[in-house]
Amino acid sequence: MHTRASNPELVEPLPEPERTLNRRLRRRNRRAADRVVAPTPGFTITIPKTPNVFAIKVNHLTLIKRNQFDGRTKTDPHKHIHEFLGICDMFKYKDIENEAVRLMTFPLSLTEEAKTWLDELNEGTIETWDELRTAFISRFFPLTLFD
């Protein structure tokens, strides 16, 4: 019978376990982020050229996916835009304009009817964040409701 003290394969404890763990987690997150490819929303949205190749951070994508808009009549498109911008503002990408990130990630924030609406727009319809926001609000919060 072996006891812990007599086991020659035991490893010495780390001198700074928290620091080592944090370093390993950062390294793992960087590797995971390198594997994530920026999504291609399709031809509806024209993404501006960016100076660098970059990947959308996994945490960013997770938050966006948790806050999806489905287009139902009881959902508020203004609230969705506000929450989407809040998520986007949490993440910064070196030498990348916020507009490019918004245009790339907004399609991921849509599901069901809202996703179908975006997918059915004509090619090249959207070129700026303002155009996308205006088209989205017009479709899901039309002024004709109040006329």
Protein backbone atom coordinates (compact mmCIF):
# COMPACT_ATOMS: atom_id res chain seq x y z
CA MET A 1 0.00 0.00 0.00
CA HIS A 2 1.32 3.38 -1.00
CA THR A 3 0.71 6.54 0.92
CA ARG A 4 0.89 10.01 -0.51
CA ALA A 5 4.20 10.70 1.17
CA SER A 6 5.78 7.64 -0.40
CA ASN A 7 4.53 8.26 -3.96
CA PRO A 8 7.54 9.40 -6.03
CA GLU A 9 5.32 10.81 -8.81
CA LEU A 10 3.84 13.63 -6.76
CA VAL A 11 4.47 17.11 -8.08
CA GLU A 12 5.59 20.03 -5.99
CA PRO A 13 2.88 22.67 -5.47
CA LEU A 14 3.08 25.78 -7.62
CA PRO A 15 4.75 28.72 -5.86
CA GLU A 16 2.14 31.20 -7.21
CA PRO A 17 -0.91 29.09 -8.17
CA GLU A 18 -3.27 32.00 -8.86
CA ARG A 19 -0.81 33.78 -11.13
CA THR A 20 -0.01 30.56 -12.99
CA LEU A 21 -3.69 29.73 -13.44
CA ASN A 22 -4.48 33.22 -14.74
CA ARG A 23 -1.59 33.01 -17.21
CA ARG A 24 -2.79 29.61 -18.45
CA LEU A 25 -6.37 30.89 -18.83
CA ARG A 26 -5.21 33.94 -20.81
CA ARG A 27 -3.15 31.70 -23.07
CA ARG A 28 -6.10 29.33 -23.61
CA ASN A 29 -8.48 32.25 -24.32
CA ARG A 30 -6.05 33.69 -26.87
CA ARG A 31 -5.83 30.35 -28.64
CA ALA A 32 -9.64 30.05 -28.64
CA ALA A 33 -10.02 33.60 -30.00
CA ASP A 34 -7.54 32.81 -32.77
CA ARG A 35 -9.76 29.94 -33.90
CA VAL A 36 -12.90 32.09 -34.13
CA VAL A 37 -13.36 33.51 -37.60
CA ALA A 38 -15.28 36.73 -38.02
CA PRO A 39 -18.72 35.81 -39.33
CA THR A 40 -19.72 36.77 -42.85
CA PRO A 41 -23.21 38.22 -42.62
CA GLY A 42 -23.89 37.67 -46.30
CA PHE A 43 -24.19 40.07 -49.13
CA THR A 44 -26.90 42.25 -47.58
CA ILE A 45 -24.36 44.10 -45.41
CA THR A 46 -21.20 45.54 -46.90
CA ILE A 47 -18.44 45.36 -44.30
CA PRO A 48 -15.90 48.21 -44.49
CA LYS A 49 -12.31 47.21 -45.16
CA THR A 50 -10.26 46.83 -42.00
CA PRO A 51 -6.50 47.37 -41.71
CA ASN A 52 -5.99 44.11 -39.81
CA VAL A 53 -7.36 40.62 -39.93
CA PHE A 54 -9.06 40.07 -36.62
CA ALA A 55 -11.38 37.66 -34.86
CA ILE A 56 -14.44 38.53 -32.84
CA LYS A 57 -13.82 37.57 -29.22
CA VAL A 58 -15.63 34.48 -27.97
CA ASN A 59 -17.07 36.34 -24.96
CA HIS A 60 -18.41 39.02 -27.31
CA LEU A 61 -20.15 36.41 -29.46
CA THR A 62 -21.59 34.67 -26.41
CA LEU A 63 -23.15 37.86 -25.07
CA ILE A 64 -24.62 38.72 -28.46
CA LYS A 65 -26.12 35.25 -28.86
CA ARG A 66 -27.71 35.50 -25.39
CA ASN A 67 -29.42 38.74 -26.39
CA GLN A 68 -31.11 37.76 -29.65
CA PHE A 69 -34.07 39.59 -31.15
CA ASP A 70 -36.74 37.43 -32.75
CA GLY A 71 -39.03 40.06 -34.29
CA ARG A 72 -42.16 39.23 -32.32
CA THR A 73 -44.62 42.09 -31.89
CA LYS A 74 -44.11 42.24 -28.12
CA THR A 75 -40.34 42.73 -28.37
CA ASP A 76 -38.85 46.23 -28.43
CA PRO A 77 -36.34 46.87 -31.24
CA HIS A 78 -35.09 50.06 -29.54
CA LYS A 79 -34.25 48.08 -26.41
CA HIS A 80 -32.48 45.47 -28.54
CA ILE A 81 -30.35 48.12 -30.27
CA HIS A 82 -29.52 49.72 -26.90
CA GLU A 83 -28.45 46.38 -25.40
CA PHE A 84 -26.54 45.39 -28.55
CA LEU A 85 -24.57 48.66 -28.50
CA GLY A 86 -23.88 48.17 -24.78
CA ILE A 87 -22.38 44.76 -25.52
CA CYS A 88 -20.34 46.11 -28.45
CA ASP A 89 -19.00 48.97 -26.34
CA MET A 90 -17.58 46.46 -23.83
CA PHE A 91 -15.12 45.13 -26.41
CA LYS A 92 -12.44 47.02 -28.29
CA TYR A 93 -10.40 45.71 -31.21
CA LYS A 94 -7.03 47.26 -32.01
CA ASP A 95 -7.17 49.48 -35.10
CA ILE A 96 -10.75 48.37 -35.93
CA GLU A 97 -13.63 50.81 -36.12
CA ASN A 98 -16.68 50.05 -33.98
CA GLU A 99 -18.85 50.29 -37.09
CA ALA A 100 -17.18 47.29 -38.73
CA VAL A 101 -17.62 45.20 -35.58
CA ARG A 102 -21.27 46.22 -35.29
CA LEU A 103 -21.98 45.39 -38.93
CA MET A 104 -20.28 41.99 -38.57
CA THR A 105 -21.97 40.99 -35.34
CA PHE A 106 -25.48 42.43 -35.62
CA PRO A 107 -26.77 39.55 -37.80
CA LEU A 108 -25.80 37.19 -34.97
CA SER A 109 -28.11 39.13 -32.64
CA LEU A 110 -31.12 38.21 -34.77
CA THR A 111 -33.17 35.03 -34.85
CA GLU A 112 -36.41 33.75 -36.35
CA GLU A 113 -38.44 36.45 -38.18
CA ALA A 114 -35.81 39.13 -37.64
CA LYS A 115 -33.05 36.94 -39.12
CA THR A 116 -35.27 36.06 -42.08
CA TRP A 117 -35.95 39.76 -42.69
CA LEU A 118 -32.23 40.56 -42.83
CA ASP A 119 -31.42 37.57 -45.01
CA GLU A 120 -34.10 38.58 -47.53
CA LEU A 121 -32.85 42.14 -48.05
CA ASN A 122 -31.29 42.86 -51.43
CA GLU A 123 -27.56 42.50 -51.91
CA GLY A 124 -25.59 45.59 -50.85
CA THR A 125 -28.61 47.20 -49.14
CA ILE A 126 -26.69 48.07 -45.96
CA GLU A 127 -23.35 49.90 -45.99
CA THR A 128 -23.29 51.72 -42.64
CA TRP A 129 -24.40 51.10 -39.06
CA ASP A 130 -26.89 53.98 -39.32
CA GLU A 131 -28.50 52.38 -42.39
CA LEU A 132 -28.74 49.04 -40.61
CA ARG A 133 -30.18 50.56 -37.43
CA THR A 134 -32.71 52.65 -39.41
CA ALA A 135 -33.84 49.69 -41.55
CA PHE A 136 -34.15 47.47 -38.47
CA ILE A 137 -36.18 50.01 -36.48
CA SER A 138 -38.37 50.81 -39.52
CA ARG A 139 -39.15 47.14 -40.00
CA PHE A 140 -39.83 46.20 -36.38
CA PHE A 141 -41.16 49.49 -35.01
CA PRO A 142 -42.88 51.08 -38.01
CA LEU A 143 -44.27 54.62 -37.70
CA THR A 144 -47.53 53.48 -39.28
CA LEU A 145 -48.51 52.01 -35.92
CA PHE A 146 -48.96 55.53 -34.61
CA ASP A 147 -50.62 57.25 -37.57
